[in-house]
Amino acid sequence: MKHFFIITLILLSSNIWSQLVQEDNQWNIAVYPTFSPSIKSYSIKIGEDTIANDLTYHKVYMSRDSLGSQWHFTSQLLRQESSQVYLKEKDNAEDLFYDFSLMVGDSFYVNAHCILSVIAVDSITLINGDIRKRLLLERKNNTNWGTQYWIAGIGSEYGVMSHWNYCATDYADGLLCHYSKGQLLYPETPASCFITNVNDITDSALTLYPNPCINHITIETESAEVSRYQIYSYNGTLITDGIISHNRIFVNTSAYESGIYILVVQSKNQNMATLRFVKL
């Protein structure tokens, strides 16, 4: 009876379905290849609406630089009806992509070789206080495959567009951070919101201090090839950029809000290196 009462409260919550398909929703995702130590990141963002087959969808965009400086249309379209999210790709018929109304014992059909079964339902609270329904699913008739979580309004722990990769073996995407209109909603204390696979400028050639900082930071580099710098907020918003004309430059951070920032230094041949710093 207690379980039933808790689930009833979850379903009655005004935020429980929350729009996954909402313009400017963004997901930063890491790709963990099975046969390579290389880890990359990409970002997915919901764009403007469009009409297809007399239905209103939203375009899905991707940025492969993890900082969101360049976006391209993926040819994928999403639409949402209450708790259900539908995917349409090019001229194909739409598929049911998520169904957050599922309860324990229900099944979700991915393809003939992969059917998921809901084994638990609970809720989580996001950073902004919203309560979201969470489903725990496992592969039906193959419990050794592991499990995955779905969170209403956010998607899967495998990434919003790649949760079907759960049925594959060579790659595993992992959700790093989810934003709504630039506000970080999940998780509460991320280890990183993007991973850049760039190390051509060595750490020894780049120094940043003090860290944490209050009013300024000093950037020092031993490389004559370093040409410019950019500073991003932790959600990928560009704060400032400039030219590095000497081996040492000062950046005024007194107006920055307290938090974590990313310094990106770029060389003349487009190689990059990143450092994180904290503004108190």
Protein backbone atom coordinates (compact mmCIF):
# COMPACT_ATOMS: atom_id res chain seq x y z
CA MET A 1 0.00 0.00 0.00
CA LYS A 2 2.85 2.41 0.83
CA HIS A 3 4.47 1.74 -2.56
CA PHE A 4 1.18 2.42 -4.35
CA PHE A 5 0.70 5.70 -2.45
CA ILE A 6 4.20 6.91 -3.39
CA ILE A 7 3.71 6.06 -7.06
CA THR A 8 0.33 7.81 -7.05
CA LEU A 9 1.95 10.99 -5.72
CA ILE A 10 4.58 10.78 -8.45
CA LEU A 11 1.97 10.50 -11.17
CA LEU A 12 -0.01 13.44 -9.80
CA SER A 13 3.01 15.74 -9.73
CA SER A 14 2.61 18.69 -12.14
CA ASN A 15 6.21 18.32 -13.36
CA ILE A 16 6.21 14.58 -13.81
CA TRP A 17 6.02 14.44 -17.61
CA SER A 18 7.86 17.72 -18.29
CA GLN A 19 8.66 18.33 -21.91
CA LEU A 20 11.66 16.41 -23.15
CA VAL A 21 10.90 17.84 -26.59
CA GLN A 22 11.26 21.52 -25.76
CA GLU A 23 13.29 24.07 -27.71
CA ASP A 24 16.76 24.74 -26.23
CA ASN A 25 16.80 21.58 -24.13
CA GLN A 26 20.38 20.34 -24.32
CA TRP A 27 22.28 17.17 -23.44
CA ASN A 28 26.07 16.81 -23.23
CA ILE A 29 27.08 13.20 -23.81
CA ALA A 30 30.31 11.20 -23.66
CA VAL A 31 31.12 8.31 -26.01
CA TYR A 32 33.03 5.42 -24.45
CA PRO A 33 34.30 3.08 -27.24
CA THR A 34 34.85 -0.51 -26.15
CA PHE A 35 38.01 -1.10 -28.16
CA SER A 36 39.72 2.26 -27.77
CA PRO A 37 40.89 4.40 -24.83
CA SER A 38 39.75 7.53 -26.67
CA ILE A 39 36.72 9.29 -25.13
CA LYS A 40 34.85 11.96 -27.04
CA SER A 41 31.90 14.20 -26.33
CA TYR A 42 29.04 15.66 -28.29
CA SER A 43 25.98 17.76 -27.52
CA ILE A 44 22.36 17.36 -28.59
CA LYS A 45 19.92 20.26 -28.65
CA ILE A 46 16.22 20.57 -29.45
CA GLY A 47 15.65 23.21 -32.13
CA GLU A 48 12.75 24.92 -33.82
CA ASP A 49 9.52 23.20 -34.79
CA THR A 50 8.65 21.94 -38.26
CA ILE A 51 5.74 20.15 -39.95
CA ALA A 52 5.96 16.60 -41.31
CA ASN A 53 2.98 14.47 -42.33
CA ASP A 54 0.68 17.14 -40.83
CA LEU A 55 2.30 16.69 -37.39
CA THR A 56 4.42 19.21 -35.52
CA TYR A 57 7.93 18.02 -34.68
CA HIS A 58 11.08 19.69 -33.37
CA LYS A 59 14.40 19.44 -35.19
CA VAL A 60 17.31 17.76 -33.41
CA TYR A 61 20.75 19.39 -33.65
CA MET A 62 24.21 18.09 -32.79
CA SER A 63 27.49 19.79 -31.92
CA ARG A 64 30.60 17.64 -32.03
CA ASP A 65 32.99 20.14 -30.43
CA SER A 66 31.30 19.67 -27.02
CA LEU A 67 31.25 23.44 -26.46
CA GLY A 68 28.26 24.05 -28.69
CA SER A 69 29.95 26.54 -31.00
CA GLN A 70 28.65 24.91 -34.19
CA TRP A 71 25.36 23.03 -34.57
CA HIS A 72 24.11 20.97 -37.49
CA PHE A 73 20.74 19.39 -38.15
CA THR A 74 20.80 15.59 -37.67
CA SER A 75 17.81 14.86 -39.95
CA GLN A 76 16.02 13.56 -36.85
CA LEU A 77 12.69 14.93 -35.65
CA LEU A 78 11.04 14.51 -32.25
CA ARG A 79 7.56 15.20 -30.99
CA GLN A 80 5.90 14.55 -27.65
CA GLU A 81 2.37 13.68 -26.63
CA SER A 82 2.03 13.70 -22.85
CA SER A 83 4.35 10.93 -21.61
CA GLN A 84 5.23 9.55 -25.04
CA VAL A 85 8.04 10.75 -27.32
CA TYR A 86 8.13 9.91 -31.03
CA LEU A 87 11.12 9.87 -33.39
CA LYS A 88 10.98 10.43 -37.15
CA GLU A 89 14.06 10.10 -39.37
CA LYS A 90 13.98 11.42 -42.94
CA ASP A 91 11.19 9.72 -44.95
CA ASN A 92 10.70 6.86 -42.50
CA ALA A 93 7.56 6.39 -40.44
CA GLU A 94 7.80 7.61 -36.86
CA ASP A 95 8.69 5.26 -34.01
CA LEU A 96 7.73 5.39 -30.36
CA PHE A 97 11.02 6.50 -28.80
CA TYR A 98 10.15 6.81 -25.10
CA ASP A 99 7.10 6.00 -23.03
CA PHE A 100 7.36 7.41 -19.52
CA SER A 101 3.90 6.13 -18.56
CA LEU A 102 5.21 2.56 -18.28
CA MET A 103 4.95 0.83 -14.92
CA VAL A 104 6.62 -2.21 -13.33
CA GLY A 105 6.11 -5.30 -15.49
CA ASP A 106 5.44 -3.33 -18.71
CA SER A 107 7.58 -3.91 -21.80
CA PHE A 108 9.04 -1.54 -24.40
CA TYR A 109 9.76 -2.83 -27.91
CA VAL A 110 13.03 -1.59 -29.43
CA ASN A 111 13.36 -4.18 -32.18
CA ALA A 112 12.88 -7.92 -32.69
CA HIS A 113 16.13 -8.64 -30.87
CA CYS A 114 15.77 -6.16 -28.01
CA ILE A 115 12.73 -5.75 -25.77
CA LEU A 116 13.06 -3.85 -22.50
CA SER A 117 11.14 -4.64 -19.34
CA VAL A 118 10.42 -2.16 -16.52
CA ILE A 119 11.66 -3.64 -13.24
CA ALA A 120 11.34 -0.60 -10.93
CA VAL A 121 9.76 2.87 -10.80
CA ASP A 122 10.63 5.71 -8.44
CA SER A 123 11.29 9.47 -8.67
CA ILE A 124 14.19 11.91 -8.45
CA THR A 125 14.38 15.62 -7.67
CA LEU A 126 16.24 17.87 -10.10
CA ILE A 127 18.41 20.86 -9.18
CA ASN A 128 15.50 23.26 -9.71
CA GLY A 129 13.21 21.22 -7.42
CA ASP A 130 11.18 19.49 -10.14
CA ILE A 131 10.19 15.91 -9.36
CA ARG A 132 10.61 13.49 -12.25
CA LYS A 133 9.49 9.89 -12.65
CA ARG A 134 12.36 7.44 -13.13
CA LEU A 135 12.14 3.98 -14.71
CA LEU A 136 14.66 1.17 -14.36
CA LEU A 137 14.66 -1.16 -17.36
CA GLU A 138 16.49 -4.35 -18.27
CA ARG A 139 16.66 -6.38 -21.43
CA LYS A 140 13.83 -8.90 -21.43
CA ASN A 141 14.92 -12.56 -21.30
CA ASN A 142 18.56 -11.47 -20.94
CA THR A 143 19.16 -10.08 -17.46
CA ASN A 144 22.95 -10.37 -17.88
CA TRP A 145 22.80 -7.43 -20.31
CA GLY A 146 22.49 -4.96 -17.46
CA THR A 147 20.01 -2.15 -16.82
CA GLN A 148 19.35 1.43 -17.83
CA TYR A 149 17.44 4.35 -16.33
CA TRP A 150 14.92 6.58 -18.06
CA ILE A 151 14.03 9.92 -16.46
CA ALA A 152 10.91 11.78 -17.57
CA GLY A 153 11.78 14.95 -19.44
CA ILE A 154 15.46 14.02 -19.65
CA GLY A 155 15.69 10.68 -21.42
CA SER A 156 18.13 7.87 -20.75
CA GLU A 157 21.42 7.61 -18.91
CA TYR A 158 22.76 6.51 -22.33
CA GLY A 159 21.88 9.88 -23.85
CA VAL A 160 18.61 11.24 -25.15
CA MET A 161 19.01 10.08 -28.77
CA SER A 162 21.21 7.03 -28.23
CA HIS A 163 19.39 4.98 -25.61
CA TRP A 164 18.81 2.24 -28.19
CA ASN A 165 22.61 1.77 -28.19
CA TYR A 166 21.88 -0.12 -24.99
CA CYS A 167 21.13 -3.04 -27.31
CA ALA A 168 24.57 -2.75 -28.97
CA THR A 169 27.97 -3.81 -27.64
CA ASP A 170 30.74 -1.76 -29.29
CA TYR A 171 29.86 1.71 -27.99
CA ALA A 172 28.27 3.08 -24.87
CA ASP A 173 27.13 6.67 -24.69
CA GLY A 174 26.78 8.25 -21.27
CA LEU A 175 24.79 11.33 -20.30
CA LEU A 176 27.04 13.92 -18.65
CA CYS A 177 24.68 16.88 -18.15
CA HIS A 178 21.18 18.03 -19.09
CA TYR A 179 20.13 21.68 -19.44
CA SER A 180 16.88 23.49 -20.02
CA LYS A 181 17.30 26.97 -21.56
CA GLY A 182 20.89 27.09 -20.30
CA GLN A 183 20.08 26.00 -16.73
CA LEU A 184 21.75 22.83 -15.47
CA LEU A 185 19.05 20.47 -14.21
CA TYR A 186 20.81 17.11 -13.91
CA PRO A 187 22.95 15.79 -12.31
CA GLU A 188 23.40 17.93 -9.21
CA THR A 189 27.20 17.66 -8.98
CA PRO A 190 28.57 16.54 -12.37
CA ALA A 191 32.22 15.53 -12.54
CA SER A 192 32.36 17.12 -15.98
CA CYS A 193 29.79 18.40 -18.46
CA PHE A 194 31.91 17.62 -21.50
CA ILE A 195 35.10 15.74 -22.31
CA THR A 196 37.44 17.11 -24.95
CA ASN A 197 39.68 14.63 -26.69
CA VAL A 198 42.43 17.19 -27.39
CA ASN A 199 45.89 16.98 -25.88
CA ASP A 200 48.19 18.36 -28.55
CA ILE A 201 49.13 21.31 -26.36
CA THR A 202 50.76 19.67 -23.35
CA ASP A 203 49.87 20.56 -19.79
CA SER A 204 53.45 21.67 -19.13
CA ALA A 205 53.07 24.34 -21.82
CA LEU A 206 49.98 25.83 -20.18
CA THR A 207 49.55 27.20 -16.65
CA LEU A 208 46.64 28.99 -15.00
CA TYR A 209 46.72 30.60 -11.54
CA PRO A 210 45.46 31.35 -8.95
CA ASN A 211 42.93 28.53 -8.87
CA PRO A 212 40.48 29.12 -7.22
CA CYS A 213 40.51 32.79 -8.17
CA ILE A 214 38.67 35.92 -7.05
CA ASN A 215 39.48 38.99 -9.16
CA HIS A 216 41.74 37.70 -11.91
CA ILE A 217 43.59 34.74 -13.41
CA THR A 218 46.99 34.62 -15.03
CA ILE A 219 47.51 32.42 -18.09
CA GLU A 220 51.06 31.41 -18.93
CA THR A 221 52.22 29.34 -21.90
CA GLU A 222 55.61 28.09 -23.03
CA SER A 223 54.41 27.48 -26.58
CA ALA A 224 54.98 30.10 -29.26
CA GLU A 225 52.22 28.41 -31.29
CA VAL A 226 49.43 29.37 -28.85
CA SER A 227 47.38 32.11 -30.46
CA ARG A 228 44.10 32.71 -28.59
CA TYR A 229 42.02 31.77 -25.56
CA GLN A 230 38.33 31.35 -24.74
CA ILE A 231 36.61 31.07 -21.37
CA TYR A 232 33.32 29.16 -21.10
CA SER A 233 30.87 28.73 -18.26
CA TYR A 234 30.34 25.16 -17.13
CA ASN A 235 27.26 24.81 -19.36
CA GLY A 236 29.24 25.79 -22.47
CA THR A 237 28.32 29.51 -22.73
CA LEU A 238 31.17 31.63 -24.08
CA ILE A 239 32.12 34.28 -21.47
CA THR A 240 35.11 35.95 -23.10
CA ASP A 241 37.87 35.37 -25.63
CA GLY A 242 41.05 37.08 -26.71
CA ILE A 243 44.39 36.95 -28.45
CA ILE A 244 47.51 35.61 -26.72
CA SER A 245 50.32 37.84 -27.99
CA HIS A 246 52.74 37.24 -25.09
CA ASN A 247 53.63 34.28 -22.91
CA ARG A 248 51.66 35.73 -19.99
CA ILE A 249 48.26 37.44 -19.94
CA PHE A 250 45.87 38.56 -17.20
CA VAL A 251 42.09 38.07 -17.33
CA ASN A 252 39.79 40.06 -15.04
CA THR A 253 37.29 37.68 -13.40
CA SER A 254 35.83 40.04 -10.80
CA ALA A 255 32.47 40.20 -12.62
CA TYR A 256 32.20 36.41 -13.04
CA GLU A 257 29.59 34.59 -10.99
CA SER A 258 30.89 32.00 -8.54
CA GLY A 259 31.29 28.61 -10.16
CA ILE A 260 33.37 26.43 -12.45
CA TYR A 261 34.78 27.76 -15.74
CA ILE A 262 36.62 26.21 -18.66
CA LEU A 263 39.69 27.80 -20.24
CA VAL A 264 40.25 26.72 -23.85
CA VAL A 265 43.58 27.61 -25.44
CA GLN A 266 43.98 27.25 -29.20
CA SER A 267 47.18 26.99 -31.22
CA LYS A 268 47.82 28.36 -34.70
CA ASN A 269 47.26 24.89 -36.20
CA GLN A 270 43.84 24.61 -34.45
CA ASN A 271 44.97 22.21 -31.71
CA MET A 272 43.41 22.90 -28.31
CA ALA A 273 43.91 22.29 -24.62
CA THR A 274 41.51 22.91 -21.75
CA LEU A 275 41.85 23.70 -18.07
CA ARG A 276 39.16 24.11 -15.43
CA PHE A 277 39.22 26.82 -12.76
CA VAL A 278 36.94 27.93 -9.96
CA LYS A 279 35.75 31.47 -9.33
CA LEU A 280 35.01 32.08 -5.64
